[in-house]
C-alpha atoms as a PDB file:
ATOM      1  CA  MET A   1      13.558 -72.269  98.346  1.00  0.00           C
ATOM      2  CA  THR A   2      12.813 -71.815  94.789  1.00  0.00           C
ATOM      3  CA  ILE A   3      14.418 -74.285  92.163  1.00  0.00           C
ATOM      4  CA  ASN A   4      15.722 -71.654  89.186  1.00  0.00           C
ATOM      5  CA  VAL A   5      15.588 -73.981  86.099  1.00  0.00           C
ATOM      6  CA  THR A   6      16.484 -72.875  82.489  1.00  0.00           C
ATOM      7  CA  VAL A   7      15.105 -74.997  79.795  1.00  0.00           C
ATOM      8  CA  TRP A   8      17.476 -74.922  76.666  1.00  0.00           C
ATOM      9  CA  GLY A   9      16.102 -75.697  73.142  1.00  0.00           C
ATOM     10  CA  GLU A  10      17.720 -75.605  69.896  1.00  0.00           C
ATOM     11  CA  ASN A  11      14.178 -74.369  68.585  1.00  0.00           C
ATOM     12  CA  VAL A  12      15.044 -75.592  64.992  1.00  0.00           C
ATOM     13  CA  HIS A  13      12.293 -78.070  63.864  1.00  0.00           C
ATOM     14  CA  GLU A  14       9.633 -75.943  65.445  1.00  0.00           C
ATOM     15  CA  GLN A  15      10.760 -73.280  62.694  1.00  0.00           C
ATOM     16  CA  THR A  16      11.187 -75.838  59.901  1.00  0.00           C
ATOM     17  CA  ASN A  17       8.650 -78.763  60.128  1.00  0.00           C
ATOM     18  CA  ASP A  18       4.805 -78.368  59.910  1.00  0.00           C
ATOM     19  CA  VAL A  19       4.112 -81.467  61.933  1.00  0.00           C
ATOM     20  CA  VAL A  20       6.204 -80.081  65.024  1.00  0.00           C
ATOM     21  CA  ALA A  21       5.087 -76.523  64.715  1.00  0.00           C
ATOM     22  CA  ARG A  22       1.332 -78.013  64.885  1.00  0.00           C
ATOM     23  CA  ILE A  23       2.355 -79.951  68.033  1.00  0.00           C
ATOM     24  CA  TYR A  24       4.369 -77.418  69.730  1.00  0.00           C
ATOM     25  CA  PRO A  25       3.363 -73.935  68.501  1.00  0.00           C
ATOM     26  CA  ASP A  26       5.307 -72.243  71.385  1.00  0.00           C
ATOM     27  CA  GLY A  27       8.319 -74.590  70.894  1.00  0.00           C
ATOM     28  CA  MET A  28       9.106 -77.469  73.014  1.00  0.00           C
ATOM     29  CA  HIS A  29      11.365 -75.404  75.194  1.00  0.00           C
ATOM     30  CA  HIS A  30       8.152 -73.296  76.350  1.00  0.00           C
ATOM     31  CA  CYS A  31       6.032 -76.334  76.572  1.00  0.00           C
ATOM     32  CA  ILE A  32       8.738 -78.341  79.019  1.00  0.00           C
ATOM     33  CA  ALA A  33       9.244 -74.671  81.091  1.00  0.00           C
ATOM     34  CA  ARG A  34       5.122 -74.741  81.457  1.00  0.00           C
ATOM     35  CA  GLY A  35       4.968 -78.234  82.869  1.00  0.00           C
ATOM     36  CA  LEU A  36       7.632 -77.651  85.469  1.00  0.00           C
ATOM     37  CA  ASN A  37       6.146 -74.186  86.562  1.00  0.00           C
ATOM     38  CA  GLU A  38       3.133 -76.188  87.607  1.00  0.00           C
ATOM     39  CA  ALA A  39       5.199 -77.340  90.470  1.00  0.00           C
ATOM     40  CA  LYS A  40       5.571 -75.321  93.495  1.00  0.00           C
ATOM     41  CA  GLY A  41       9.007 -74.153  93.949  1.00  0.00           C
ATOM     42  CA  ILE A  42       9.905 -74.444  90.641  1.00  0.00           C
ATOM     43  CA  HIS A  43      10.439 -71.426  88.926  1.00  0.00           C
ATOM     44  CA  ALA A  44      11.658 -72.246  84.858  1.00  0.00           C
ATOM     45  CA  THR A  45      12.141 -70.255  82.139  1.00  0.00           C
ATOM     46  CA  ALA A  46      13.084 -70.955  78.584  1.00  0.00           C
ATOM     47  CA  VAL A  47      16.037 -70.196  76.050  1.00  0.00           C
ATOM     48  CA  THR A  48      17.200 -71.264  72.588  1.00  0.00           C
ATOM     49  CA  LEU A  49      20.051 -71.690  70.307  1.00  0.00           C
ATOM     50  CA  GLN A  50      18.997 -68.189  68.650  1.00  0.00           C
ATOM     51  CA  ASP A  51      19.110 -66.015  71.799  1.00  0.00           C
ATOM     52  CA  PRO A  52      22.245 -63.859  72.703  1.00  0.00           C
ATOM     53  CA  GLU A  53      25.360 -66.063  73.502  1.00  0.00           C
ATOM     54  CA  GLN A  54      23.209 -69.245  72.377  1.00  0.00           C
ATOM     55  CA  GLY A  55      20.758 -68.571  75.539  1.00  0.00           C
ATOM     56  CA  LEU A  56      23.651 -69.390  77.862  1.00  0.00           C
ATOM     57  CA  SER A  57      25.537 -66.314  79.035  1.00  0.00           C
ATOM     58  CA  GLU A  58      27.722 -66.399  82.324  1.00  0.00           C
ATOM     59  CA  ALA A  59      24.785 -64.450  83.922  1.00  0.00           C
ATOM     60  CA  THR A  60      21.961 -66.869  82.882  1.00  0.00           C
ATOM     61  CA  LEU A  61      24.203 -69.999  84.218  1.00  0.00           C
ATOM     62  CA  GLU A  62      25.225 -68.179  87.255  1.00  0.00           C
ATOM     63  CA  ASN A  63      21.140 -68.206  88.218  1.00  0.00           C
ATOM     64  CA  THR A  64      20.485 -71.510  86.942  1.00  0.00           C
ATOM     65  CA  ASP A  65      20.234 -74.263  89.366  1.00  0.00           C
ATOM     66  CA  VAL A  66      19.013 -77.007  86.863  1.00  0.00           C
ATOM     67  CA  LEU A  67      19.687 -76.964  82.937  1.00  0.00           C
ATOM     68  CA  LEU A  68      17.321 -78.955  81.126  1.00  0.00           C
ATOM     69  CA  TRP A  69      18.902 -79.536  77.389  1.00  0.00           C
ATOM     70  CA  TRP A  70      16.887 -80.633  74.081  1.00  0.00           C
ATOM     71  CA  GLY A  71      18.627 -80.703  70.864  1.00  0.00           C
ATOM     72  CA  HIS A  72      18.591 -82.720  67.751  1.00  0.00           C
ATOM     73  CA  ALA A  73      19.286 -81.111  64.464  1.00  0.00           C
ATOM     74  CA  ALA A  74      21.915 -78.364  65.602  1.00  0.00           C
ATOM     75  CA  HIS A  75      24.344 -80.225  68.037  1.00  0.00           C
ATOM     76  CA  GLY A  76      27.170 -78.878  65.487  1.00  0.00           C
ATOM     77  CA  ASP A  77      26.136 -75.149  66.124  1.00  0.00           C
ATOM     78  CA  VAL A  78      26.505 -74.905  69.866  1.00  0.00           C
ATOM     79  CA  LEU A  79      29.767 -73.294  70.219  1.00  0.00           C
ATOM     80  CA  GLU A  80      32.490 -74.719  72.113  1.00  0.00           C
ATOM     81  CA  GLU A  81      32.451 -71.673  74.564  1.00  0.00           C
ATOM     82  CA  THR A  82      29.047 -72.472  75.415  1.00  0.00           C
ATOM     83  CA  VAL A  83      29.969 -76.127  75.918  1.00  0.00           C
ATOM     84  CA  ASP A  84      32.880 -74.690  78.438  1.00  0.00           C
ATOM     85  CA  ARG A  85      30.342 -72.465  80.581  1.00  0.00           C
ATOM     86  CA  VAL A  86      28.008 -75.239  80.876  1.00  0.00           C
ATOM     87  CA  GLN A  87      30.499 -77.711  81.785  1.00  0.00           C
ATOM     88  CA  ALA A  88      32.002 -75.250  84.366  1.00  0.00           C
ATOM     89  CA  ARG A  89      28.761 -74.968  86.048  1.00  0.00           C
ATOM     90  CA  VAL A  90      27.846 -78.573  86.215  1.00  0.00           C
ATOM     91  CA  LEU A  91      31.178 -79.168  88.027  1.00  0.00           C
ATOM     92  CA  GLN A  92      30.499 -76.428  90.510  1.00  0.00           C
ATOM     93  CA  GLY A  93      27.050 -78.177  91.247  1.00  0.00           C
ATOM     94  CA  MET A  94      24.505 -77.136  88.775  1.00  0.00           C
ATOM     95  CA  GLY A  95      22.152 -80.083  87.775  1.00  0.00           C
ATOM     96  CA  LEU A  96      21.827 -81.307  84.119  1.00  0.00           C
ATOM     97  CA  ILE A  97      18.926 -82.782  82.571  1.00  0.00           C
ATOM     98  CA  VAL A  98      19.595 -84.044  78.957  1.00  0.00           C
ATOM     99  CA  LEU A  99      16.469 -85.266  77.012  1.00  0.00           C
ATOM    100  CA  HIS A 100      15.845 -87.687  73.941  1.00  0.00           C
ATOM    101  CA  SER A 101      18.157 -86.796  70.999  1.00  0.00           C
ATOM    102  CA  GLY A 102      20.572 -84.647  73.684  1.00  0.00           C
ATOM    103  CA  HIS A 103      22.254 -87.969  73.845  1.00  0.00           C
ATOM    104  CA  TYR A 104      24.499 -86.630  71.002  1.00  0.00           C
ATOM    105  CA  ALA A 105      24.735 -82.990  72.339  1.00  0.00           C
ATOM    106  CA  LYS A 106      28.245 -81.780  72.740  1.00  0.00           C
ATOM    107  CA  ILE A 107      27.709 -80.959  76.565  1.00  0.00           C
ATOM    108  CA  PHE A 108      26.473 -84.466  77.443  1.00  0.00           C
ATOM    109  CA  LYS A 109      29.291 -86.398  74.941  1.00  0.00           C
ATOM    110  CA  ARG A 110      31.880 -84.186  76.860  1.00  0.00           C
ATOM    111  CA  LEU A 111      30.512 -85.039  80.329  1.00  0.00           C
ATOM    112  CA  MET A 112      30.324 -88.911  79.480  1.00  0.00           C
ATOM    113  CA  GLY A 113      33.611 -89.294  77.419  1.00  0.00           C
ATOM    114  CA  THR A 114      32.089 -91.578  74.991  1.00  0.00           C
ATOM    115  CA  THR A 115      30.381 -91.355  71.453  1.00  0.00           C
ATOM    116  CA  CYS A 116      26.884 -92.120  73.292  1.00  0.00           C
ATOM    117  CA  SER A 117      25.622 -93.757  69.754  1.00  0.00           C
ATOM    118  CA  LEU A 118      22.386 -95.966  69.994  1.00  0.00           C
ATOM    119  CA  LYS A 119      19.931 -97.834  67.595  1.00  0.00           C
ATOM    120  CA  TRP A 120      16.940 -95.710  66.265  1.00  0.00           C
ATOM    121  CA  ARG A 121      13.786 -96.163  64.300  1.00  0.00           C
ATOM    122  CA  GLU A 122      10.904 -93.541  63.680  1.00  0.00           C
ATOM    123  CA  ALA A 123       7.865 -95.608  63.499  1.00  0.00           C
ATOM    124  CA  GLY A 124       5.198 -94.339  66.219  1.00  0.00           C
ATOM    125  CA  GLU A 125       5.359 -97.431  67.802  1.00  0.00           C
ATOM    126  CA  ARG A 126       4.344 -98.012  71.630  1.00  0.00           C
ATOM    127  CA  GLU A 127       6.767 -97.635  74.445  1.00  0.00           C
ATOM    128  CA  ARG A 128       6.346 -98.822  77.968  1.00  0.00           C
ATOM    129  CA  LEU A 129       9.135 -96.969  80.616  1.00  0.00           C
ATOM    130  CA  TRP A 130       9.482 -99.751  83.423  1.00  0.00           C
ATOM    131  CA  VAL A 131      10.130 -98.584  86.579  1.00  0.00           C
ATOM    132  CA  VAL A 132      13.342-100.310  87.838  1.00  0.00           C
ATOM    133  CA  ASN A 133      14.267 -98.323  90.801  1.00  0.00           C
ATOM    134  CA  PRO A 134      10.874 -97.754  92.433  1.00  0.00           C
ATOM    135  CA  GLY A 135      12.334 -95.852  95.636  1.00  0.00           C
ATOM    136  CA  HIS A 136      14.344 -93.192  93.623  1.00  0.00           C
ATOM    137  CA  PRO A 137      12.937 -89.586  93.973  1.00  0.00           C
ATOM    138  CA  ILE A 138      12.670 -89.225  90.398  1.00  0.00           C
ATOM    139  CA  VAL A 139      10.023 -91.833  89.809  1.00  0.00           C
ATOM    140  CA  GLN A 140       7.753 -90.782  92.790  1.00  0.00           C
ATOM    141  CA  GLY A 141       3.931 -90.685  91.939  1.00  0.00           C
ATOM    142  CA  LEU A 142       4.237 -93.106  88.926  1.00  0.00           C
ATOM    143  CA  GLY A 143       3.023 -96.728  88.991  1.00  0.00           C
ATOM    144  CA  ASP A 144       5.082 -99.417  87.531  1.00  0.00           C
ATOM    145  CA  TYR A 145       5.737 -98.186  84.018  1.00  0.00           C
ATOM    146  CA  ILE A 146       4.851 -95.245  81.762  1.00  0.00           C
ATOM    147  CA  GLU A 147       3.224 -96.024  78.515  1.00  0.00           C
ATOM    148  CA  LEU A 148       3.616 -93.803  75.592  1.00  0.00           C
ATOM    149  CA  PRO A 149       1.328 -94.785  72.264  1.00  0.00           C
ATOM    150  CA  HIS A 150       3.567 -93.485  69.952  1.00  0.00           C
ATOM    151  CA  THR A 151       7.216 -92.632  70.332  1.00  0.00           C
ATOM    152  CA  GLU A 152      10.544 -93.070  68.434  1.00  0.00           C
ATOM    153  CA  MET A 153      12.238 -96.070  69.046  1.00  0.00           C
ATOM    154  CA  TYR A 154      16.120 -96.016  70.768  1.00  0.00           C
ATOM    155  CA  GLY A 155      17.718 -99.398  71.148  1.00  0.00           C
ATOM    156  CA  GLU A 156      20.802-100.737  73.128  1.00  0.00           C
ATOM    157  CA  PRO A 157      23.576-101.100  73.005  1.00  0.00           C
ATOM    158  CA  PHE A 158      23.877 -97.463  74.312  1.00  0.00           C
ATOM    159  CA  ALA A 159      27.314 -95.990  73.917  1.00  0.00           C
ATOM    160  CA  VAL A 160      27.639 -94.452  77.515  1.00  0.00           C
ATOM    161  CA  PRO A 161      29.580 -95.251  80.444  1.00  0.00           C
ATOM    162  CA  ASN A 162      27.766 -97.243  83.208  1.00  0.00           C
ATOM    163  CA  PRO A 163      25.364 -95.108  85.132  1.00  0.00           C
ATOM    164  CA  ASP A 164      25.309 -94.432  88.927  1.00  0.00           C
ATOM    165  CA  GLU A 165      21.727 -95.626  88.695  1.00  0.00           C
ATOM    166  CA  VAL A 166      19.287 -96.947  85.974  1.00  0.00           C
ATOM    167  CA  ILE A 167      15.775 -95.488  86.693  1.00  0.00           C
ATOM    168  CA  PHE A 168      13.952 -97.036  83.790  1.00  0.00           C
ATOM    169  CA  ILE A 169      14.201 -99.510  80.952  1.00  0.00           C
ATOM    170  CA  SER A 170      12.239 -99.109  78.128  1.00  0.00           C
ATOM    171  CA  ALA A 171      10.229-101.953  76.219  1.00  0.00           C
ATOM    172  CA  PHE A 172       9.284-100.918  72.691  1.00  0.00           C
ATOM    173  CA  GLU A 173       6.663-102.531  70.333  1.00  0.00           C
ATOM    174  CA  GLY A 174       9.166-103.714  67.673  1.00  0.00           C
ATOM    175  CA  GLY A 175      11.111-105.612  70.490  1.00  0.00           C
ATOM    176  CA  GLU A 176      14.078-103.205  71.403  1.00  0.00           C
ATOM    177  CA  VAL A 177      14.805-102.203  75.040  1.00  0.00           C
ATOM    178  CA  PHE A 178      16.705 -99.446  76.305  1.00  0.00           C
ATOM    179  CA  ARG A 179      18.066 -97.846  79.190  1.00  0.00           C
ATOM    180  CA  SER A 180      15.916 -94.859  79.370  1.00  0.00           C
ATOM    181  CA  GLY A 181      16.816 -92.994  82.649  1.00  0.00           C
ATOM    182  CA  LEU A 182      20.589 -92.768  83.939  1.00  0.00           C
ATOM    183  CA  THR A 183      21.995 -90.923  86.542  1.00  0.00           C
ATOM    184  CA  TYR A 184      25.755 -89.805  86.751  1.00  0.00           C
ATOM    185  CA  LYS A 185      27.603 -87.465  89.020  1.00  0.00           C
ATOM    186  CA  ARG A 186      30.277 -85.135  87.322  1.00  0.00           C
ATOM    187  CA  GLY A 187      32.166 -82.884  89.918  1.00  0.00           C
ATOM    188  CA  ASN A 188      29.555 -81.623  92.152  1.00  0.00           C
ATOM    189  CA  GLY A 189      26.841 -81.980  89.679  1.00  0.00           C
ATOM    190  CA  LYS A 190      23.842 -84.408  89.104  1.00  0.00           C
ATOM    191  CA  ILE A 191      23.024 -85.556  85.464  1.00  0.00           C
ATOM    192  CA  PHE A 192      20.106 -87.385  84.378  1.00  0.00           C
ATOM    193  CA  TYR A 193      19.289 -88.710  80.955  1.00  0.00           C
ATOM    194  CA  PHE A 194      15.530 -89.094  80.080  1.00  0.00           C
ATOM    195  CA  ARG A 195      14.636 -90.769  76.766  1.00  0.00           C
ATOM    196  CA  PRO A 196      11.466 -89.828  75.919  1.00  0.00           C
ATOM    197  CA  GLY A 197      10.728 -86.718  73.715  1.00  0.00           C
ATOM    198  CA  HIS A 198      10.994 -86.817  69.994  1.00  0.00           C
ATOM    199  CA  GLU A 199       9.205 -83.664  68.550  1.00  0.00           C
ATOM    200  CA  THR A 200       6.715 -85.335  65.959  1.00  0.00           C
ATOM    201  CA  TYR A 201       4.710 -86.622  69.082  1.00  0.00           C
ATOM    202  CA  PRO A 202       3.087 -84.860  71.850  1.00  0.00           C
ATOM    203  CA  ILE A 203       5.033 -86.482  74.780  1.00  0.00           C
ATOM    204  CA  TYR A 204       5.933 -83.464  76.881  1.00  0.00           C
ATOM    205  CA  TYR A 205       2.104 -82.858  77.393  1.00  0.00           C
ATOM    206  CA  ASP A 206       1.989 -86.297  79.295  1.00  0.00           C
ATOM    207  CA  VAL A 207       0.926 -86.010  82.829  1.00  0.00           C
ATOM    208  CA  GLN A 208       3.653 -88.824  83.792  1.00  0.00           C
ATOM    209  CA  VAL A 209       6.232 -87.433  81.841  1.00  0.00           C
ATOM    210  CA  LYS A 210       5.804 -83.851  83.603  1.00  0.00           C
ATOM    211  CA  THR A 211       5.942 -85.693  86.605  1.00  0.00           C
ATOM    212  CA  VAL A 212       9.192 -87.473  86.157  1.00  0.00           C
ATOM    213  CA  LEU A 213      10.654 -83.879  84.886  1.00  0.00           C
ATOM    214  CA  LYS A 214       9.596 -82.187  88.116  1.00  0.00           C
ATOM    215  CA  ASN A 215      10.895 -84.823  90.044  1.00  0.00           C
ATOM    216  CA  ALA A 216      14.017 -84.805  88.324  1.00  0.00           C
ATOM    217  CA  VAL A 217      14.670 -80.845  88.725  1.00  0.00           C
ATOM    218  CA  ASN A 218      14.137 -81.771  92.414  1.00  0.00           C
ATOM    219  CA  TRP A 219      16.531 -84.403  92.647  1.00  0.00           C
ATOM    220  CA  ALA A 220      19.049 -82.630  90.277  1.00  0.00           C
ATOM    221  CA  ARG A 221      19.321 -79.140  92.488  1.00  0.00           C
ATOM    222  CA  PRO A 222      22.630 -78.343  94.013  1.00  0.00           C
ATOM    223  CA  GLU A 223      23.541 -79.659  97.372  1.00  0.00           C
ATOM    224  CA  GLY A 224      25.927 -78.157  99.463  1.00  0.00           C
ATOM    225  CA  SER A 225      28.331 -75.326  98.778  1.00  0.00           C
ATOM    226  CA  ARG A 226      29.503 -74.463  95.234  1.00  0.00           C
ATOM    227  CA  TRP A 227      32.829 -76.151  94.207  1.00  0.00           C
ATOM    228  CA  ILE A 228      35.028 -73.931  92.312  1.00  0.00           C
ATOM    229  CA  ASP A 229      38.021 -76.004  90.433  1.00  0.00           C
ATOM    230  CA  SER A 230      40.906 -73.766  90.793  1.00  0.00           C
ATOM    231  CA  CYS A 231      44.242 -76.270  91.172  1.00  0.00           C
ATOM    232  CA  PRO A 232      45.839 -73.994  93.374  1.00  0.00           C
ATOM    233  CA  ASN A 233      49.842 -73.856  93.948  1.00  0.00           C
ATOM    234  CA  VAL A 234      49.961 -74.053  97.877  1.00  0.00           C
ATOM    235  CA  PRO A 235      53.338 -72.446  98.943  1.00  0.00           C
ATOM    236  CA  ALA A 236      55.612 -74.575 101.328  1.00  0.00           C
ATOM    237  CA  ASP A 237      54.933 -72.042 103.823  1.00  0.00           C
ATOM    238  CA  GLN A 238      51.157 -72.321 103.734  1.00  0.00           C
ATOM    239  CA  ALA A 239      51.198 -76.308 104.195  1.00  0.00           C
ATOM    240  CA  PRO A 240      49.348 -77.660 107.208  1.00  0.00           C
ATOM    241  CA  ASN A 241      52.719 -79.175 108.319  1.00  0.00           C
ATOM    242  CA  PRO A 242      56.059 -77.393 108.081  1.00  0.00           C
ATOM    243  CA  VAL A 243      57.697 -78.378 104.747  1.00  0.00           C
ATOM    244  CA  GLU A 244      61.511 -77.845 103.983  1.00  0.00           C
ATOM    245  CA  ILE A 245      61.982 -76.860 100.424  1.00  0.00           C
ATOM    246  CA  LYS A 246      64.270 -79.648  98.429  1.00  0.00           C
ATOM    247  CA  GLY A 247      65.880 -79.114  95.160  1.00  0.00           C
ATOM    248  CA  GLU A 248      64.662 -77.155  92.204  1.00  0.00           C
ATOM    249  CA  SER A 249      61.451 -76.164  90.986  1.00  0.00           C
ATOM    250  CA  LEU A 250      59.563 -75.283  87.720  1.00  0.00           C
ATOM    251  CA  HIS A 251      57.654 -72.709  89.335  1.00  0.00           C
ATOM    252  CA  LYS A 252      57.701 -69.922  91.913  1.00  0.00           C
ATOM    253  CA  PRO A 253      55.663 -70.078  95.277  1.00  0.00           C
ATOM    254  CA  GLY A 254      51.868 -69.387  94.039  1.00  0.00           C
ATOM    255  CA  GLU A 255      52.727 -69.262  90.609  1.00  0.00           C
ATOM    256  CA  GLU A 256      50.339 -70.921  88.189  1.00  0.00           C
ATOM    257  CA  GLY A 257      51.160 -73.989  87.075  1.00  0.00           C
ATOM    258  CA  PHE A 258      50.433 -75.783  83.463  1.00  0.00           C
ATOM    259  CA  LYS A 259      46.839 -76.597  82.067  1.00  0.00           C
END
């Protein structure tokens, strides 16, 4: 069965920075989508912040099995209603893959419940992403590590909740380390944070990085039936066992509660 993937990019630096425009002339979002479409069984399309409804309408999200998110300069421009729609779909079972500077995206911070802050340095230094969970589906087809010759450094502490799994730990030329691949479960949806991807380096052309993203899409795809979180008021006469109503109540049978 085909996995329908939406790659969301804010598409700002591609239009305002000559270096980024030269490396990603069609935008990072299209580069990422093309890499994913190399894999059999994945159908990826790209949308941007500038599209109607910020590229993430109800209809688009309804037809998305896995959403990839890349943002950096325009986190504040993402509307709360957009975040609400994405969060609802993650809780229902849509996979979410958050890339690089997307650690400060509104949707990631909401799902994590923390600041998601970190140390950083832009010096084009070497990074080795060590595979620390070699049996995990996301790292199949890789060796002991991925080496990227020029990257932006992210360093610990990374202010996120303890993850369900750590997949990669990065070691940088300058000496810092970072948990560069983390998984979480929120509601019925799987989340993968993957650190590489600074826009002034051609990281999304790297064969091993593309392998990680293809694997991550297959890992994050929805499992089981969609979970609709509705918080229903169950009348006493519909309880599995007979219930005698005792005392007064704020709500009439079947009436919605406060949220």
